[in-house]
Amino acid sequence: MAAFLRLRVVAPAGPVQPHKLEQGLDFLRGRGHQVVEGKALRLVHGHLAGTDAQRAADLMDALLDPAAHAVWAARGGFGGLRLLEHLDWERLRAVPPMERPPLIGYSDLTSLQNALHLLLDWPCWHAPMVATELCQERDPLSDASLNGMLAALGKATHPSLLAAGRDSTGDWRLCSKEEVAAFPARLHLRVPGFEQILGLPAECVWGPGRAEALSVGGNLSVLTSLFGGRVPFHARARCLWLEDHGEYPFRLDRHLAQLANSGALKDCSALLLGSFLNCEEPDPQKSTFTAEELLRQAAQCVPGPVFSGLPFGHTAPRICLPFHGTCTVEAG
């Protein structure tokens, strides 16, 4: 059982569905954690959970709480990018490193997480959200990874270990560390209090090699929306994580070209691909590349290892990925 946590729950992007929010909050409270709701958490303002000023004030208040163990997004959607100009970056920079609660979420949270991490070295987790995944039953891998993250947030003194492998059918199963060592490719994630080791079959290795670095990335289309703004996005000497949902091939092509033109693909230490759900062309008469073909083309720009089929993104299973932990990738 994870230690008692003080969790600040906010909605930096879209409005939540009340019944899903309650189920997610009940999950956290049922584990003995204290949940502190943001003032704008239940607001609706068009496709946003309150005005930009309201959502930014909630996020600032939560990030500046020295007693908080984490700031957890209720959901993604749209709107996080709008908050970058509303945050007080100097006040955030002044927060001592040991008092910085990690920002948890994924999808639209990609803009806020990469901004905080790249500008301030703020800890973040690419992980399930309160009113979208915590309100549902989870598969064994997702649940084990979530438990590990909660233990790490509570600064567990004895690190827990999650080991899992993917078979040739694409299914993931929990296994032993020794079993993972026999896979052709391995991904090792470490933060204080928690380790995750994943084994992948040869067909998931699009580029061999070894790399060890911190991580950046997240949702591809949100990530490229950072270009030209406040955040000087880069992936130099980083493991770059990418996933997406609902982007047709011509849109994927545009986003991947933006990454390539920025130098992110040739500068990253490794490229790690999660799920790309509903990213195929719906018109069978239209001539186009598939999502996989476009991703493989982009992978050719990466000098280090490239893994596909990793369990993160908009479909289960979803592991929790620390931006601030050590990521080791090896294959071949």
C-alpha atoms as a PDB file:
ATOM      1  CA  MET A   1       0.000   0.000   0.000  1.00  0.00           C
ATOM      2  CA  ALA A   2       1.366   3.414  -0.958  1.00  0.00           C
ATOM      3  CA  ALA A   3       1.946   6.024   1.721  1.00  0.00           C
ATOM      4  CA  PHE A   4      -0.581   8.771   2.408  1.00  0.00           C
ATOM      5  CA  LEU A   5      -0.464  11.379  -0.372  1.00  0.00           C
ATOM      6  CA  ARG A   6      -1.805  14.902  -0.704  1.00  0.00           C
ATOM      7  CA  LEU A   7      -2.992  15.129  -4.314  1.00  0.00           C
ATOM      8  CA  ARG A   8      -4.045  18.366  -6.013  1.00  0.00           C
ATOM      9  CA  VAL A   9      -6.550  17.576  -8.796  1.00  0.00           C
ATOM     10  CA  VAL A  10      -6.972  20.215 -11.507  1.00  0.00           C
ATOM     11  CA  ALA A  11      -8.450  20.500 -14.996  1.00  0.00           C
ATOM     12  CA  PRO A  12      -5.989  22.531 -17.116  1.00  0.00           C
ATOM     13  CA  ALA A  13      -7.730  21.611 -20.358  1.00  0.00           C
ATOM     14  CA  GLY A  14     -11.237  20.294 -21.109  1.00  0.00           C
ATOM     15  CA  PRO A  15     -14.270  20.054 -18.811  1.00  0.00           C
ATOM     16  CA  VAL A  16     -14.847  16.821 -16.930  1.00  0.00           C
ATOM     17  CA  GLN A  17     -17.871  14.540 -16.851  1.00  0.00           C
ATOM     18  CA  PRO A  18     -19.058  14.753 -13.211  1.00  0.00           C
ATOM     19  CA  HIS A  19     -19.762  11.035 -12.710  1.00  0.00           C
ATOM     20  CA  LYS A  20     -16.364  10.036 -14.097  1.00  0.00           C
ATOM     21  CA  LEU A  21     -14.644  12.638 -11.947  1.00  0.00           C
ATOM     22  CA  GLU A  22     -16.372  11.333  -8.821  1.00  0.00           C
ATOM     23  CA  GLN A  23     -15.351   7.774  -9.628  1.00  0.00           C
ATOM     24  CA  GLY A  24     -11.736   8.809 -10.129  1.00  0.00           C
ATOM     25  CA  LEU A  25     -11.688  10.861  -6.924  1.00  0.00           C
ATOM     26  CA  ASP A  26     -13.294   7.966  -5.044  1.00  0.00           C
ATOM     27  CA  PHE A  27     -10.524   5.693  -6.281  1.00  0.00           C
ATOM     28  CA  LEU A  28      -7.871   7.995  -4.806  1.00  0.00           C
ATOM     29  CA  ARG A  29      -9.750   8.635  -1.575  1.00  0.00           C
ATOM     30  CA  GLY A  30     -10.440   4.925  -1.232  1.00  0.00           C
ATOM     31  CA  ARG A  31      -6.704   4.362  -1.041  1.00  0.00           C
ATOM     32  CA  GLY A  32      -6.441   6.770   1.859  1.00  0.00           C
ATOM     33  CA  HIS A  33      -5.132   9.789  -0.044  1.00  0.00           C
ATOM     34  CA  GLN A  34      -6.191  13.399   0.539  1.00  0.00           C
ATOM     35  CA  VAL A  35      -7.676  14.995  -2.574  1.00  0.00           C
ATOM     36  CA  VAL A  36      -7.687  18.782  -2.904  1.00  0.00           C
ATOM     37  CA  GLU A  37      -9.883  19.962  -5.758  1.00  0.00           C
ATOM     38  CA  GLY A  38      -9.013  22.976  -7.881  1.00  0.00           C
ATOM     39  CA  LYS A  39     -11.540  25.798  -7.808  1.00  0.00           C
ATOM     40  CA  ALA A  40     -12.153  25.457 -11.561  1.00  0.00           C
ATOM     41  CA  LEU A  41     -12.187  21.659 -11.571  1.00  0.00           C
ATOM     42  CA  ARG A  42     -15.942  21.402 -12.223  1.00  0.00           C
ATOM     43  CA  LEU A  43     -16.388  24.492 -14.422  1.00  0.00           C
ATOM     44  CA  VAL A  44     -17.432  24.484 -18.079  1.00  0.00           C
ATOM     45  CA  HIS A  45     -16.414  27.302 -20.410  1.00  0.00           C
ATOM     46  CA  GLY A  46     -16.963  26.265 -24.024  1.00  0.00           C
ATOM     47  CA  HIS A  47     -14.606  23.348 -24.619  1.00  0.00           C
ATOM     48  CA  LEU A  48     -12.555  24.354 -21.554  1.00  0.00           C
ATOM     49  CA  ALA A  49     -12.812  23.796 -17.803  1.00  0.00           C
ATOM     50  CA  GLY A  50     -13.071  27.488 -16.963  1.00  0.00           C
ATOM     51  CA  THR A  51     -11.375  30.543 -18.432  1.00  0.00           C
ATOM     52  CA  ASP A  52      -7.649  30.577 -19.108  1.00  0.00           C
ATOM     53  CA  ALA A  53      -7.132  32.735 -16.010  1.00  0.00           C
ATOM     54  CA  GLN A  54      -9.145  30.358 -13.814  1.00  0.00           C
ATOM     55  CA  ARG A  55      -7.384  27.243 -15.025  1.00  0.00           C
ATOM     56  CA  ALA A  56      -3.951  28.861 -14.789  1.00  0.00           C
ATOM     57  CA  ALA A  57      -4.670  30.068 -11.237  1.00  0.00           C
ATOM     58  CA  ASP A  58      -5.659  26.520 -10.244  1.00  0.00           C
ATOM     59  CA  LEU A  59      -2.515  25.066 -11.762  1.00  0.00           C
ATOM     60  CA  MET A  60      -0.250  27.682 -10.179  1.00  0.00           C
ATOM     61  CA  ASP A  61      -1.843  27.226  -6.766  1.00  0.00           C
ATOM     62  CA  ALA A  62      -1.351  23.466  -6.979  1.00  0.00           C
ATOM     63  CA  LEU A  63       2.236  23.588  -8.262  1.00  0.00           C
ATOM     64  CA  LEU A  64       3.174  26.036  -5.489  1.00  0.00           C
ATOM     65  CA  ASP A  65       1.739  23.855  -2.720  1.00  0.00           C
ATOM     66  CA  PRO A  66       4.806  22.674  -0.750  1.00  0.00           C
ATOM     67  CA  ALA A  67       2.757  19.933   0.939  1.00  0.00           C
ATOM     68  CA  ALA A  68       1.468  18.415  -2.308  1.00  0.00           C
ATOM     69  CA  HIS A  69       2.890  15.090  -3.425  1.00  0.00           C
ATOM     70  CA  ALA A  70       1.542  15.544  -6.970  1.00  0.00           C
ATOM     71  CA  VAL A  71      -0.645  17.698  -9.202  1.00  0.00           C
ATOM     72  CA  TRP A  72      -2.947  15.369 -11.140  1.00  0.00           C
ATOM     73  CA  ALA A  73      -4.896  16.367 -14.247  1.00  0.00           C
ATOM     74  CA  ALA A  74      -8.519  15.283 -14.349  1.00  0.00           C
ATOM     75  CA  ARG A  75      -8.450  14.933 -18.126  1.00  0.00           C
ATOM     76  CA  GLY A  76      -6.864  16.180 -21.332  1.00  0.00           C
ATOM     77  CA  GLY A  77      -8.814  17.502 -24.293  1.00  0.00           C
ATOM     78  CA  PHE A  78      -7.813  20.978 -25.437  1.00  0.00           C
ATOM     79  CA  GLY A  79      -6.504  24.104 -23.769  1.00  0.00           C
ATOM     80  CA  GLY A  80      -3.258  23.375 -21.956  1.00  0.00           C
ATOM     81  CA  LEU A  81      -1.202  25.262 -24.533  1.00  0.00           C
ATOM     82  CA  ARG A  82      -3.213  28.414 -23.804  1.00  0.00           C
ATOM     83  CA  LEU A  83      -1.925  28.477 -20.224  1.00  0.00           C
ATOM     84  CA  LEU A  84       1.784  28.868 -20.997  1.00  0.00           C
ATOM     85  CA  GLU A  85       1.490  32.656 -21.188  1.00  0.00           C
ATOM     86  CA  HIS A  86      -0.576  32.781 -17.978  1.00  0.00           C
ATOM     87  CA  LEU A  87       1.848  30.974 -15.658  1.00  0.00           C
ATOM     88  CA  ASP A  88       4.237  32.873 -13.381  1.00  0.00           C
ATOM     89  CA  TRP A  89       7.455  31.224 -14.492  1.00  0.00           C
ATOM     90  CA  GLU A  90       9.688  33.167 -12.078  1.00  0.00           C
ATOM     91  CA  ARG A  91       7.637  32.043  -9.070  1.00  0.00           C
ATOM     92  CA  LEU A  92       7.793  28.467 -10.305  1.00  0.00           C
ATOM     93  CA  ARG A  93      11.544  28.731 -10.872  1.00  0.00           C
ATOM     94  CA  ALA A  94      11.973  29.843  -7.258  1.00  0.00           C
ATOM     95  CA  VAL A  95      10.362  26.678  -5.856  1.00  0.00           C
ATOM     96  CA  PRO A  96      13.069  24.480  -4.261  1.00  0.00           C
ATOM     97  CA  PRO A  97      13.539  21.222  -6.200  1.00  0.00           C
ATOM     98  CA  MET A  98      12.414  19.065  -3.270  1.00  0.00           C
ATOM     99  CA  GLU A  99       9.123  21.004  -3.035  1.00  0.00           C
ATOM    100  CA  ARG A 100       8.099  20.597  -6.674  1.00  0.00           C
ATOM    101  CA  PRO A 101       5.070  18.274  -6.965  1.00  0.00           C
ATOM    102  CA  PRO A 102       5.130  16.278 -10.225  1.00  0.00           C
ATOM    103  CA  LEU A 103       2.511  17.112 -12.857  1.00  0.00           C
ATOM    104  CA  ILE A 104       0.666  13.933 -13.858  1.00  0.00           C
ATOM    105  CA  GLY A 105      -1.297  13.391 -17.070  1.00  0.00           C
ATOM    106  CA  TYR A 106      -0.870  12.853 -20.807  1.00  0.00           C
ATOM    107  CA  SER A 107      -2.396  13.796 -24.169  1.00  0.00           C
ATOM    108  CA  ASP A 108      -3.112  17.568 -24.009  1.00  0.00           C
ATOM    109  CA  LEU A 109      -0.930  17.784 -20.875  1.00  0.00           C
ATOM    110  CA  THR A 110       2.055  17.268 -23.185  1.00  0.00           C
ATOM    111  CA  SER A 111       2.484  21.029 -23.704  1.00  0.00           C
ATOM    112  CA  LEU A 112       2.512  21.875 -19.989  1.00  0.00           C
ATOM    113  CA  GLN A 113       4.690  18.917 -19.020  1.00  0.00           C
ATOM    114  CA  ASN A 114       7.374  19.562 -21.615  1.00  0.00           C
ATOM    115  CA  ALA A 115       7.378  23.285 -20.803  1.00  0.00           C
ATOM    116  CA  LEU A 116       7.830  22.647 -17.094  1.00  0.00           C
ATOM    117  CA  HIS A 117      10.405  19.934 -17.612  1.00  0.00           C
ATOM    118  CA  LEU A 118      12.519  21.624 -20.286  1.00  0.00           C
ATOM    119  CA  LEU A 119      12.395  25.145 -18.820  1.00  0.00           C
ATOM    120  CA  LEU A 120      12.580  24.304 -15.109  1.00  0.00           C
ATOM    121  CA  ASP A 121      13.577  20.637 -14.850  1.00  0.00           C
ATOM    122  CA  TRP A 122      10.189  20.102 -13.151  1.00  0.00           C
ATOM    123  CA  PRO A 123       9.278  16.449 -12.492  1.00  0.00           C
ATOM    124  CA  CYS A 124       6.398  15.065 -14.568  1.00  0.00           C
ATOM    125  CA  TRP A 125       4.710  11.724 -15.230  1.00  0.00           C
ATOM    126  CA  HIS A 126       3.049  10.690 -18.496  1.00  0.00           C
ATOM    127  CA  ALA A 127       0.301   8.691 -16.795  1.00  0.00           C
ATOM    128  CA  PRO A 128      -3.460   7.968 -16.579  1.00  0.00           C
ATOM    129  CA  MET A 129      -5.770  10.804 -15.536  1.00  0.00           C
ATOM    130  CA  VAL A 130      -8.364  11.049 -12.793  1.00  0.00           C
ATOM    131  CA  ALA A 131     -11.590  11.386 -14.793  1.00  0.00           C
ATOM    132  CA  THR A 132     -10.589   9.269 -17.796  1.00  0.00           C
ATOM    133  CA  GLU A 133      -8.642   6.208 -16.599  1.00  0.00           C
ATOM    134  CA  LEU A 134      -8.791   6.156 -12.797  1.00  0.00           C
ATOM    135  CA  CYS A 135     -12.571   5.877 -13.084  1.00  0.00           C
ATOM    136  CA  GLN A 136     -12.236   2.591 -15.008  1.00  0.00           C
ATOM    137  CA  GLU A 137     -11.067  -0.933 -14.354  1.00  0.00           C
ATOM    138  CA  ARG A 138      -7.437  -1.318 -15.375  1.00  0.00           C
ATOM    139  CA  ASP A 139      -5.528  -4.262 -16.815  1.00  0.00           C
ATOM    140  CA  PRO A 140      -2.800  -5.861 -14.631  1.00  0.00           C
ATOM    141  CA  LEU A 141       0.124  -4.038 -16.286  1.00  0.00           C
ATOM    142  CA  SER A 142      -1.517  -0.604 -16.081  1.00  0.00           C
ATOM    143  CA  ASP A 143      -2.536  -1.207 -12.471  1.00  0.00           C
ATOM    144  CA  ALA A 144       0.910  -2.407 -11.430  1.00  0.00           C
ATOM    145  CA  SER A 145       2.556   0.616 -13.054  1.00  0.00           C
ATOM    146  CA  LEU A 146       0.069   2.979 -11.390  1.00  0.00           C
ATOM    147  CA  ASN A 147       0.770   1.392  -8.003  1.00  0.00           C
ATOM    148  CA  GLY A 148       4.483   1.825  -8.595  1.00  0.00           C
ATOM    149  CA  MET A 149       4.064   5.512  -9.421  1.00  0.00           C
ATOM    150  CA  LEU A 150       1.987   6.077  -6.283  1.00  0.00           C
ATOM    151  CA  ALA A 151       4.687   4.393  -4.218  1.00  0.00           C
ATOM    152  CA  ALA A 152       7.343   6.585  -5.833  1.00  0.00           C
ATOM    153  CA  LEU A 153       5.278   9.714  -5.103  1.00  0.00           C
ATOM    154  CA  GLY A 154       5.218   8.623  -1.470  1.00  0.00           C
ATOM    155  CA  LYS A 155       9.022   8.294  -1.572  1.00  0.00           C
ATOM    156  CA  ALA A 156       9.008   4.575  -0.917  1.00  0.00           C
ATOM    157  CA  THR A 157      12.199   3.528   0.832  1.00  0.00           C
ATOM    158  CA  HIS A 158      12.280   0.078  -0.774  1.00  0.00           C
ATOM    159  CA  PRO A 159      12.080   0.345  -4.580  1.00  0.00           C
ATOM    160  CA  SER A 160       9.392  -1.776  -6.177  1.00  0.00           C
ATOM    161  CA  LEU A 161      10.049  -3.532  -9.463  1.00  0.00           C
ATOM    162  CA  LEU A 162       7.641  -4.029 -12.345  1.00  0.00           C
ATOM    163  CA  ALA A 163       8.714  -6.411 -15.096  1.00  0.00           C
ATOM    164  CA  ALA A 164       6.595  -7.146 -18.167  1.00  0.00           C
ATOM    165  CA  GLY A 165       7.040  -8.572 -21.629  1.00  0.00           C
ATOM    166  CA  ARG A 166       5.180  -8.350 -24.920  1.00  0.00           C
ATOM    167  CA  ASP A 167       4.613 -11.497 -26.950  1.00  0.00           C
ATOM    168  CA  SER A 168       4.434 -11.772 -30.730  1.00  0.00           C
ATOM    169  CA  THR A 169       0.640 -11.274 -30.689  1.00  0.00           C
ATOM    170  CA  GLY A 170       1.034  -7.878 -29.028  1.00  0.00           C
ATOM    171  CA  ASP A 171      -0.238  -8.932 -25.605  1.00  0.00           C
ATOM    172  CA  TRP A 172       1.583  -7.788 -22.472  1.00  0.00           C
ATOM    173  CA  ARG A 173       2.044  -9.906 -19.349  1.00  0.00           C
ATOM    174  CA  LEU A 174       3.735  -9.388 -16.021  1.00  0.00           C
ATOM    175  CA  CYS A 175       6.791 -11.574 -15.617  1.00  0.00           C
ATOM    176  CA  SER A 176      10.108 -11.805 -13.793  1.00  0.00           C
ATOM    177  CA  LYS A 177      13.202  -9.674 -14.305  1.00  0.00           C
ATOM    178  CA  GLU A 178      15.013 -12.774 -15.502  1.00  0.00           C
ATOM    179  CA  GLU A 179      12.367 -13.431 -18.161  1.00  0.00           C
ATOM    180  CA  VAL A 180      12.649  -9.863 -19.457  1.00  0.00           C
ATOM    181  CA  ALA A 181      16.413 -10.296 -19.823  1.00  0.00           C
ATOM    182  CA  ALA A 182      15.780 -12.952 -22.485  1.00  0.00           C
ATOM    183  CA  PHE A 183      13.862 -10.566 -24.797  1.00  0.00           C
ATOM    184  CA  PRO A 184      15.665  -9.167 -27.871  1.00  0.00           C
ATOM    185  CA  ALA A 185      14.980  -5.586 -26.664  1.00  0.00           C
ATOM    186  CA  ARG A 186      14.553  -4.036 -23.246  1.00  0.00           C
ATOM    187  CA  LEU A 187      13.412  -0.729 -21.823  1.00  0.00           C
ATOM    188  CA  HIS A 188      14.394   0.119 -18.251  1.00  0.00           C
ATOM    189  CA  LEU A 189      12.822   3.099 -16.421  1.00  0.00           C
ATOM    190  CA  ARG A 190      14.117   4.153 -13.008  1.00  0.00           C
ATOM    191  CA  VAL A 191      13.054   6.802 -10.523  1.00  0.00           C
ATOM    192  CA  PRO A 192      13.680   6.817  -6.766  1.00  0.00           C
ATOM    193  CA  GLY A 193      11.361   4.189  -5.313  1.00  0.00           C
ATOM    194  CA  PHE A 194      10.337   2.464  -8.538  1.00  0.00           C
ATOM    195  CA  GLU A 195      11.728   0.523 -11.495  1.00  0.00           C
ATOM    196  CA  GLN A 196       9.979  -0.690 -14.637  1.00  0.00           C
ATOM    197  CA  ILE A 197      11.591  -3.129 -17.067  1.00  0.00           C
ATOM    198  CA  LEU A 198       9.846  -3.991 -20.328  1.00  0.00           C
ATOM    199  CA  GLY A 199      10.835  -6.680 -22.811  1.00  0.00           C
ATOM    200  CA  LEU A 200       9.939  -6.441 -26.502  1.00  0.00           C
ATOM    201  CA  PRO A 201      10.088  -8.948 -29.381  1.00  0.00           C
ATOM    202  CA  ALA A 202      12.315  -8.384 -32.397  1.00  0.00           C
ATOM    203  CA  GLU A 203       9.482  -7.046 -34.579  1.00  0.00           C
ATOM    204  CA  CYS A 204       9.151  -4.028 -32.276  1.00  0.00           C
ATOM    205  CA  VAL A 205      12.788  -3.050 -32.847  1.00  0.00           C
ATOM    206  CA  TRP A 206      12.992  -0.641 -35.785  1.00  0.00           C
ATOM    207  CA  GLY A 207      16.518   0.443 -34.941  1.00  0.00           C
ATOM    208  CA  PRO A 208      19.091  -1.337 -32.727  1.00  0.00           C
ATOM    209  CA  GLY A 209      21.482   0.221 -30.259  1.00  0.00           C
ATOM    210  CA  ARG A 210      21.731   1.412 -26.691  1.00  0.00           C
ATOM    211  CA  ALA A 211      20.868   4.745 -25.068  1.00  0.00           C
ATOM    212  CA  GLU A 212      20.489   6.109 -21.555  1.00  0.00           C
ATOM    213  CA  ALA A 213      18.913   9.511 -20.954  1.00  0.00           C
ATOM    214  CA  LEU A 214      16.074  11.537 -19.507  1.00  0.00           C
ATOM    215  CA  SER A 215      12.800  11.675 -21.467  1.00  0.00           C
ATOM    216  CA  VAL A 216      10.729  14.230 -23.332  1.00  0.00           C
ATOM    217  CA  GLY A 217       7.709  13.877 -25.575  1.00  0.00           C
ATOM    218  CA  GLY A 218       4.155  12.675 -25.309  1.00  0.00           C
ATOM    219  CA  ASN A 219       1.369  13.401 -27.750  1.00  0.00           C
ATOM    220  CA  LEU A 220       2.884  14.117 -31.165  1.00  0.00           C
ATOM    221  CA  SER A 221       0.383  16.709 -32.416  1.00  0.00           C
ATOM    222  CA  VAL A 222       0.410  18.630 -29.112  1.00  0.00           C
ATOM    223  CA  LEU A 223       4.195  18.465 -28.971  1.00  0.00           C
ATOM    224  CA  THR A 224       4.671  20.117 -32.363  1.00  0.00           C
ATOM    225  CA  SER A 225       2.274  22.910 -31.334  1.00  0.00           C
ATOM    226  CA  LEU A 226       5.047  24.107 -28.980  1.00  0.00           C
ATOM    227  CA  PHE A 227       7.294  25.072 -31.899  1.00  0.00           C
ATOM    228  CA  GLY A 228       7.760  28.817 -32.236  1.00  0.00           C
ATOM    229  CA  GLY A 229       6.384  29.578 -28.775  1.00  0.00           C
ATOM    230  CA  ARG A 230       7.766  30.166 -25.291  1.00  0.00           C
ATOM    231  CA  VAL A 231       9.236  26.686 -24.947  1.00  0.00           C
ATOM    232  CA  PRO A 232      12.406  26.040 -26.977  1.00  0.00           C
ATOM    233  CA  PHE A 233      11.570  22.375 -27.486  1.00  0.00           C
ATOM    234  CA  HIS A 234      14.466  20.042 -28.101  1.00  0.00           C
ATOM    235  CA  ALA A 235      15.218  16.348 -27.719  1.00  0.00           C
ATOM    236  CA  ARG A 236      19.004  16.585 -27.544  1.00  0.00           C
ATOM    237  CA  ALA A 237      20.405  13.632 -25.601  1.00  0.00           C
ATOM    238  CA  ARG A 238      16.871  12.612 -24.614  1.00  0.00           C
ATOM    239  CA  CYS A 239      14.684   9.589 -25.182  1.00  0.00           C
ATOM    240  CA  LEU A 240      11.769  10.903 -27.232  1.00  0.00           C
ATOM    241  CA  TRP A 241       8.345   9.367 -26.507  1.00  0.00           C
ATOM    242  CA  LEU A 242       5.579   9.750 -29.100  1.00  0.00           C
ATOM    243  CA  GLU A 243       1.928   8.684 -29.294  1.00  0.00           C
ATOM    244  CA  ASP A 244      -1.223  10.103 -30.870  1.00  0.00           C
ATOM    245  CA  HIS A 245      -4.919   9.612 -31.441  1.00  0.00           C
ATOM    246  CA  GLY A 246      -7.244  10.491 -34.301  1.00  0.00           C
ATOM    247  CA  GLU A 247      -4.638  12.042 -36.624  1.00  0.00           C
ATOM    248  CA  TYR A 248      -5.046  10.945 -40.247  1.00  0.00           C
ATOM    249  CA  PRO A 249      -1.839  10.057 -42.157  1.00  0.00           C
ATOM    250  CA  PHE A 250      -1.493  13.447 -43.870  1.00  0.00           C
ATOM    251  CA  ARG A 251      -1.611  15.112 -40.457  1.00  0.00           C
ATOM    252  CA  LEU A 252       0.858  12.658 -38.968  1.00  0.00           C
ATOM    253  CA  ASP A 253       3.132  13.365 -41.927  1.00  0.00           C
ATOM    254  CA  ARG A 254       3.006  17.103 -41.187  1.00  0.00           C
ATOM    255  CA  HIS A 255       3.783  16.663 -37.486  1.00  0.00           C
ATOM    256  CA  LEU A 256       6.601  14.210 -38.129  1.00  0.00           C
ATOM    257  CA  ALA A 257       8.070  16.567 -40.736  1.00  0.00           C
ATOM    258  CA  GLN A 258       7.996  19.364 -38.155  1.00  0.00           C
ATOM    259  CA  LEU A 259       9.924  17.152 -35.736  1.00  0.00           C
ATOM    260  CA  ALA A 260      12.444  16.254 -38.423  1.00  0.00           C
ATOM    261  CA  ASN A 261      12.891  19.869 -39.542  1.00  0.00           C
ATOM    262  CA  SER A 262      13.441  20.981 -35.933  1.00  0.00           C
ATOM    263  CA  GLY A 263      16.296  18.507 -35.565  1.00  0.00           C
ATOM    264  CA  ALA A 264      14.514  16.593 -32.799  1.00  0.00           C
ATOM    265  CA  LEU A 265      14.676  13.245 -34.596  1.00  0.00           C
ATOM    266  CA  LYS A 266      18.374  13.374 -35.408  1.00  0.00           C
ATOM    267  CA  ASP A 267      19.259  14.798 -31.982  1.00  0.00           C
ATOM    268  CA  CYS A 268      17.358  12.352 -29.761  1.00  0.00           C
ATOM    269  CA  SER A 269      19.116   9.436 -28.089  1.00  0.00           C
ATOM    270  CA  ALA A 270      16.252   7.039 -28.820  1.00  0.00           C
ATOM    271  CA  LEU A 271      12.744   7.118 -30.296  1.00  0.00           C
ATOM    272  CA  LEU A 272      10.044   5.254 -28.367  1.00  0.00           C
ATOM    273  CA  LEU A 273       6.637   4.830 -30.007  1.00  0.00           C
ATOM    274  CA  GLY A 274       3.422   4.062 -28.163  1.00  0.00           C
ATOM    275  CA  SER A 275      -0.061   3.656 -29.603  1.00  0.00           C
ATOM    276  CA  PHE A 276      -1.306   5.616 -32.608  1.00  0.00           C
ATOM    277  CA  LEU A 277      -5.003   4.941 -32.216  1.00  0.00           C
ATOM    278  CA  ASN A 278      -7.432   5.731 -35.073  1.00  0.00           C
ATOM    279  CA  CYS A 279      -4.663   7.210 -37.202  1.00  0.00           C
ATOM    280  CA  GLU A 280      -5.525   5.464 -40.478  1.00  0.00           C
ATOM    281  CA  GLU A 281      -7.174   7.014 -43.541  1.00  0.00           C
ATOM    282  CA  PRO A 282     -10.910   6.194 -43.456  1.00  0.00           C
ATOM    283  CA  ASP A 283     -11.374   6.539 -47.232  1.00  0.00           C
ATOM    284  CA  PRO A 284     -10.258   3.257 -48.893  1.00  0.00           C
ATOM    285  CA  GLN A 285     -10.134   4.999 -52.293  1.00  0.00           C
ATOM    286  CA  LYS A 286      -7.590   7.569 -51.176  1.00  0.00           C
ATOM    287  CA  SER A 287      -3.923   6.918 -51.936  1.00  0.00           C
ATOM    288  CA  THR A 288      -1.868   7.452 -48.805  1.00  0.00           C
ATOM    289  CA  PHE A 289       0.837   6.049 -46.580  1.00  0.00           C
ATOM    290  CA  THR A 290      -0.241   4.125 -43.512  1.00  0.00           C
ATOM    291  CA  ALA A 291       0.563   5.491 -40.061  1.00  0.00           C
ATOM    292  CA  GLU A 292       3.191   2.782 -39.625  1.00  0.00           C
ATOM    293  CA  GLU A 293       4.862   3.619 -42.926  1.00  0.00           C
ATOM    294  CA  LEU A 294       5.122   7.280 -41.927  1.00  0.00           C
ATOM    295  CA  LEU A 295       6.537   6.395 -38.518  1.00  0.00           C
ATOM    296  CA  ARG A 296       9.089   4.067 -40.098  1.00  0.00           C
ATOM    297  CA  GLN A 297      10.155   6.845 -42.466  1.00  0.00           C
ATOM    298  CA  ALA A 298      10.638   9.180 -39.502  1.00  0.00           C
ATOM    299  CA  ALA A 299      12.565   6.480 -37.626  1.00  0.00           C
ATOM    300  CA  GLN A 300      15.214   6.510 -40.355  1.00  0.00           C
ATOM    301  CA  CYS A 301      16.269   9.976 -39.129  1.00  0.00           C
ATOM    302  CA  VAL A 302      17.089   8.673 -35.642  1.00  0.00           C
ATOM    303  CA  PRO A 303      20.726   7.664 -35.077  1.00  0.00           C
ATOM    304  CA  GLY A 304      19.964   5.592 -31.976  1.00  0.00           C
ATOM    305  CA  PRO A 305      17.543   2.792 -31.096  1.00  0.00           C
ATOM    306  CA  VAL A 306      13.893   2.939 -32.171  1.00  0.00           C
ATOM    307  CA  PHE A 307      11.205   0.852 -30.441  1.00  0.00           C
ATOM    308  CA  SER A 308       7.551   0.567 -31.457  1.00  0.00           C
ATOM    309  CA  GLY A 309       4.511  -0.979 -29.801  1.00  0.00           C
ATOM    310  CA  LEU A 310       5.184   0.315 -26.293  1.00  0.00           C
ATOM    311  CA  PRO A 311       2.285   0.361 -23.804  1.00  0.00           C
ATOM    312  CA  PHE A 312       1.461   4.037 -23.493  1.00  0.00           C
ATOM    313  CA  GLY A 313      -0.969   6.380 -25.198  1.00  0.00           C
ATOM    314  CA  HIS A 314      -4.717   6.449 -25.803  1.00  0.00           C
ATOM    315  CA  THR A 315      -5.315   2.730 -25.413  1.00  0.00           C
ATOM    316  CA  ALA A 316      -4.604   0.138 -22.735  1.00  0.00           C
ATOM    317  CA  PRO A 317      -2.287  -0.970 -21.366  1.00  0.00           C
ATOM    318  CA  ARG A 318      -0.813   2.330 -20.156  1.00  0.00           C
ATOM    319  CA  ILE A 319       2.333   2.401 -18.084  1.00  0.00           C
ATOM    320  CA  CYS A 320       3.396   5.477 -16.125  1.00  0.00           C
ATOM    321  CA  LEU A 321       6.426   7.181 -17.696  1.00  0.00           C
ATOM    322  CA  PRO A 322       8.633   9.543 -15.670  1.00  0.00           C
ATOM    323  CA  PHE A 323      10.151  12.490 -17.530  1.00  0.00           C
ATOM    324  CA  HIS A 324      12.602  12.955 -14.662  1.00  0.00           C
ATOM    325  CA  GLY A 325      13.808   9.366 -14.336  1.00  0.00           C
ATOM    326  CA  THR A 326      16.553   7.463 -16.125  1.00  0.00           C
ATOM    327  CA  CYS A 327      15.484   5.698 -19.312  1.00  0.00           C
ATOM    328  CA  THR A 328      17.745   2.934 -20.636  1.00  0.00           C
ATOM    329  CA  VAL A 329      17.031   1.425 -24.054  1.00  0.00           C
ATOM    330  CA  GLU A 330      18.949  -1.495 -25.537  1.00  0.00           C
ATOM    331  CA  ALA A 331      18.512  -3.838 -28.474  1.00  0.00           C
ATOM    332  CA  GLY A 332      20.761  -5.794 -30.747  1.00  0.00           C
END
